[in-house]
Structures are given as structure tokens and as C-alpha cells.
């Protein structure tokens, strides 16, 4: 177990080192990928194209997949843990079919805004949908 914890710490350090000095990093607890899918929607409100990375982690903290996309100014990109009918063309992140419970980190430059959710992957519009918290680095609502 100690080796697994060390591995997870190394993965987190590697992911953090990929972020630029001005990048924001958010944490998203409650990510699942079973009968439901998790999604992450990011919009670039900045003045230049932006690269966004979403990294998934399982309950033990082990890396479970990464997705990256470039977003044009005023554009939006969706990341999903499995294809969601209501979001065609979304970037697939990871391949763990039973990720539950899990978490994610979103890394993006300043000017990018993201939200996260859990959705029914097979219906358009979704029959089930709920938001997930997106927590700025070390701050939660109320801090």
C-alpha cells in the first residue's frame, strides 16, 4: 500500500510540473464512470487559444486516464469518462469502466472556466444529471 501511495504522489507531482506557472488547477471529487458518466465542460474566456488537461484518479489515488484539448478563444470543449449522447465529439478521458468513487484535476491557464457533472450517457436530453463541485486549488465555497 505504501508503494501505491508513493506512486500516486509521483503522478501528482508530474502532473503539477506539467502546469505552467500561471495555470489554475482545480480538484473535482465524486467522479464516477459506471452506469453514469462524468463530464467536464471548459470555456476559454481568455484572449488566446488555451490548452486544458483533465486527469482522472481512482479511489486509491492511482492515475486512471488523462485527456487534453486546445480551446479557441470563446470556444468550449467537453471531456467525458465515456461517450455521452448529448455531447457528441467530446474528448474521452480514461478507460476505467468502473471508476467509482474517483476524482479529477483540471489544469488550465487563466481565463478558462470549467464545470463538472454526472450524467446519463445514453439519453438526449439526459434523464439524470447532477453537478459536481469544482474546487480551486486549496479553497472550497465558504473558505
Protein backbone atom coordinates (compact mmCIF):
# COMPACT_ATOMS: atom_id res chain seq x y z
CA UNK A 1 0.00 0.00 0.00
CA UNK A 2 2.89 2.33 0.79
CA UNK A 3 4.28 1.82 -2.73
CA UNK A 4 0.89 2.71 -4.23
CA UNK A 5 0.75 5.92 -2.18
CA UNK A 6 4.26 6.85 -3.31
CA UNK A 7 3.28 6.14 -6.94
CA UNK A 8 0.21 8.38 -6.61
CA UNK A 9 2.35 11.17 -5.13
CA UNK A 10 4.81 10.88 -8.02
CA UNK A 11 1.95 11.04 -10.54
CA UNK A 12 0.53 14.16 -8.85
CA UNK A 13 3.96 15.83 -8.82
CA UNK A 14 4.43 15.00 -12.52
CA UNK A 15 1.01 16.44 -13.37
CA UNK A 16 1.69 19.56 -11.33
CA UNK A 17 5.05 20.01 -13.05
CA UNK A 18 3.30 19.99 -16.46
CA UNK A 19 1.29 23.05 -15.45
CA UNK A 20 2.66 26.45 -16.35
CA UNK A 21 3.28 29.00 -13.60
CA UNK A 22 0.08 30.91 -14.47
CA UNK A 23 -2.13 27.81 -14.78
CA UNK A 24 -5.05 27.17 -12.45
CA UNK A 25 -5.56 23.71 -11.00
CA UNK A 26 -8.98 22.57 -9.78
CA UNK A 27 -9.96 19.38 -7.95
CA UNK A 28 -13.21 17.55 -8.68
CA UNK A 29 -14.32 14.92 -6.13
CA UNK A 30 -17.17 12.50 -6.83
CA UNK A 31 -16.18 11.44 -10.36
CA UNK A 32 -17.85 8.18 -11.43
CA UNK A 33 -17.89 6.05 -14.54
CA UNK A 34 -20.27 3.13 -14.12
CA UNK A 35 -23.87 3.26 -15.37
CA UNK A 36 -23.46 7.04 -15.34
CA UNK A 37 -20.65 9.13 -16.84
CA UNK A 38 -18.79 12.16 -15.57
CA UNK A 39 -18.26 15.19 -17.76
CA UNK A 40 -16.18 18.35 -17.64
CA UNK A 41 -17.04 21.41 -19.73
CA UNK A 42 -14.47 24.18 -20.15
CA UNK A 43 -14.84 27.53 -21.93
CA UNK A 44 -11.98 29.80 -22.92
CA UNK A 45 -12.77 33.38 -21.93
CA UNK A 46 -9.15 34.44 -22.47
CA UNK A 47 -7.53 36.28 -25.37
CA UNK A 48 -5.51 33.37 -26.84
CA UNK A 49 -6.05 29.67 -27.50
CA UNK A 50 -5.70 27.61 -24.31
CA UNK A 51 -4.73 24.02 -23.57
CA UNK A 52 -6.77 22.24 -20.89
CA UNK A 53 -5.88 18.93 -19.25
CA UNK A 54 -8.24 16.69 -17.29
CA UNK A 55 -6.66 13.88 -15.24
CA UNK A 56 -8.68 11.13 -13.53
CA UNK A 57 -7.78 9.25 -10.34
CA UNK A 58 -9.40 6.19 -8.76
CA UNK A 59 -10.30 5.82 -5.07
CA UNK A 60 -6.71 4.89 -4.17
CA UNK A 61 -5.30 7.97 -5.91
CA UNK A 62 -3.87 5.98 -8.83
CA UNK A 63 -3.96 7.70 -12.22
CA UNK A 64 -6.87 6.45 -14.31
CA UNK A 65 -6.54 8.46 -17.53
CA UNK A 66 -5.78 11.88 -18.96
CA UNK A 67 -7.33 13.98 -21.71
CA UNK A 68 -6.04 17.19 -23.26
CA UNK A 69 -7.59 19.64 -25.72
CA UNK A 70 -6.91 23.07 -27.14
CA UNK A 71 -9.76 25.56 -26.84
CA UNK A 72 -10.12 28.53 -29.19
CA UNK A 73 -10.97 31.95 -27.75
CA UNK A 74 -14.66 31.91 -26.70
CA UNK A 75 -14.78 28.18 -27.54
CA UNK A 76 -15.93 25.31 -25.34
CA UNK A 77 -14.57 21.77 -25.06
CA UNK A 78 -16.23 18.86 -23.26
CA UNK A 79 -14.34 15.97 -21.65
CA UNK A 80 -16.18 12.75 -20.70
CA UNK A 81 -15.38 9.48 -18.93
CA UNK A 82 -17.45 7.61 -21.54
CA UNK A 83 -19.38 8.79 -24.62
CA UNK A 84 -22.46 10.85 -23.71
CA UNK A 85 -25.17 11.00 -26.40
CA UNK A 86 -25.98 14.63 -25.55
CA UNK A 87 -22.31 15.66 -26.04
CA UNK A 88 -21.17 14.32 -29.41
CA UNK A 89 -17.50 14.92 -30.17
CA UNK A 90 -16.44 15.23 -26.53
CA UNK A 91 -12.86 14.31 -25.64
CA UNK A 92 -12.72 10.89 -23.95
CA UNK A 93 -10.71 10.78 -20.70
CA UNK A 94 -9.55 7.43 -19.34
CA UNK A 95 -10.85 3.94 -19.93
CA UNK A 96 -11.74 2.65 -16.45
CA UNK A 97 -15.32 1.30 -16.88
CA UNK A 98 -15.96 1.13 -13.13
CA UNK A 99 -14.36 4.30 -11.77
CA UNK A 100 -16.27 4.88 -8.55
CA UNK A 101 -15.53 6.76 -6.44
CA UNK A 102 -12.88 8.80 -8.14
CA UNK A 103 -11.65 12.32 -8.58
CA UNK A 104 -10.18 14.56 -11.25
CA UNK A 105 -7.90 17.52 -11.62
CA UNK A 106 -8.40 20.17 -14.29
CA UNK A 107 -5.39 22.25 -15.31
CA UNK A 108 -5.91 25.35 -17.46
CA UNK A 109 -4.48 28.83 -17.97
CA UNK A 110 -6.12 31.91 -16.52
CA UNK A 111 -9.26 32.90 -18.42
CA UNK A 112 -10.58 29.33 -18.74
CA UNK A 113 -13.70 28.43 -16.76
CA UNK A 114 -14.83 24.85 -16.10
CA UNK A 115 -17.77 22.97 -14.62
CA UNK A 116 -18.23 19.26 -13.88
CA UNK A 117 -21.24 16.96 -13.80
CA UNK A 118 -22.51 13.38 -13.74
CA UNK A 119 -24.93 12.40 -16.50
CA UNK A 120 -26.89 9.55 -18.02
CA UNK A 121 -24.73 8.71 -21.06
CA UNK A 122 -27.46 7.23 -23.28
CA UNK A 123 -30.23 9.85 -23.36
CA UNK A 124 -30.54 13.20 -25.14
CA UNK A 125 -31.62 15.14 -23.17
CA UNK A 126 -30.16 13.29 -20.19
CA UNK A 127 -32.68 11.71 -17.81
CA UNK A 128 -30.19 12.03 -14.93
CA UNK A 129 -27.78 14.90 -14.36
CA UNK A 130 -26.17 16.44 -11.30
CA UNK A 131 -23.34 18.89 -10.82
CA UNK A 132 -20.02 18.05 -9.20
CA UNK A 133 -18.03 20.53 -7.10
CA UNK A 134 -15.05 22.17 -8.79
CA UNK A 135 -12.69 23.24 -6.03
CA UNK A 136 -9.96 25.81 -6.64
CA UNK A 137 -6.54 24.52 -5.53
CA UNK A 138 -6.97 24.78 -1.75
CA UNK A 139 -10.25 26.65 -1.45
CA UNK A 140 -13.83 25.48 -1.16
CA UNK A 141 -17.01 27.50 -1.09
CA UNK A 142 -17.11 29.21 2.30
CA UNK A 143 -13.32 29.32 2.79
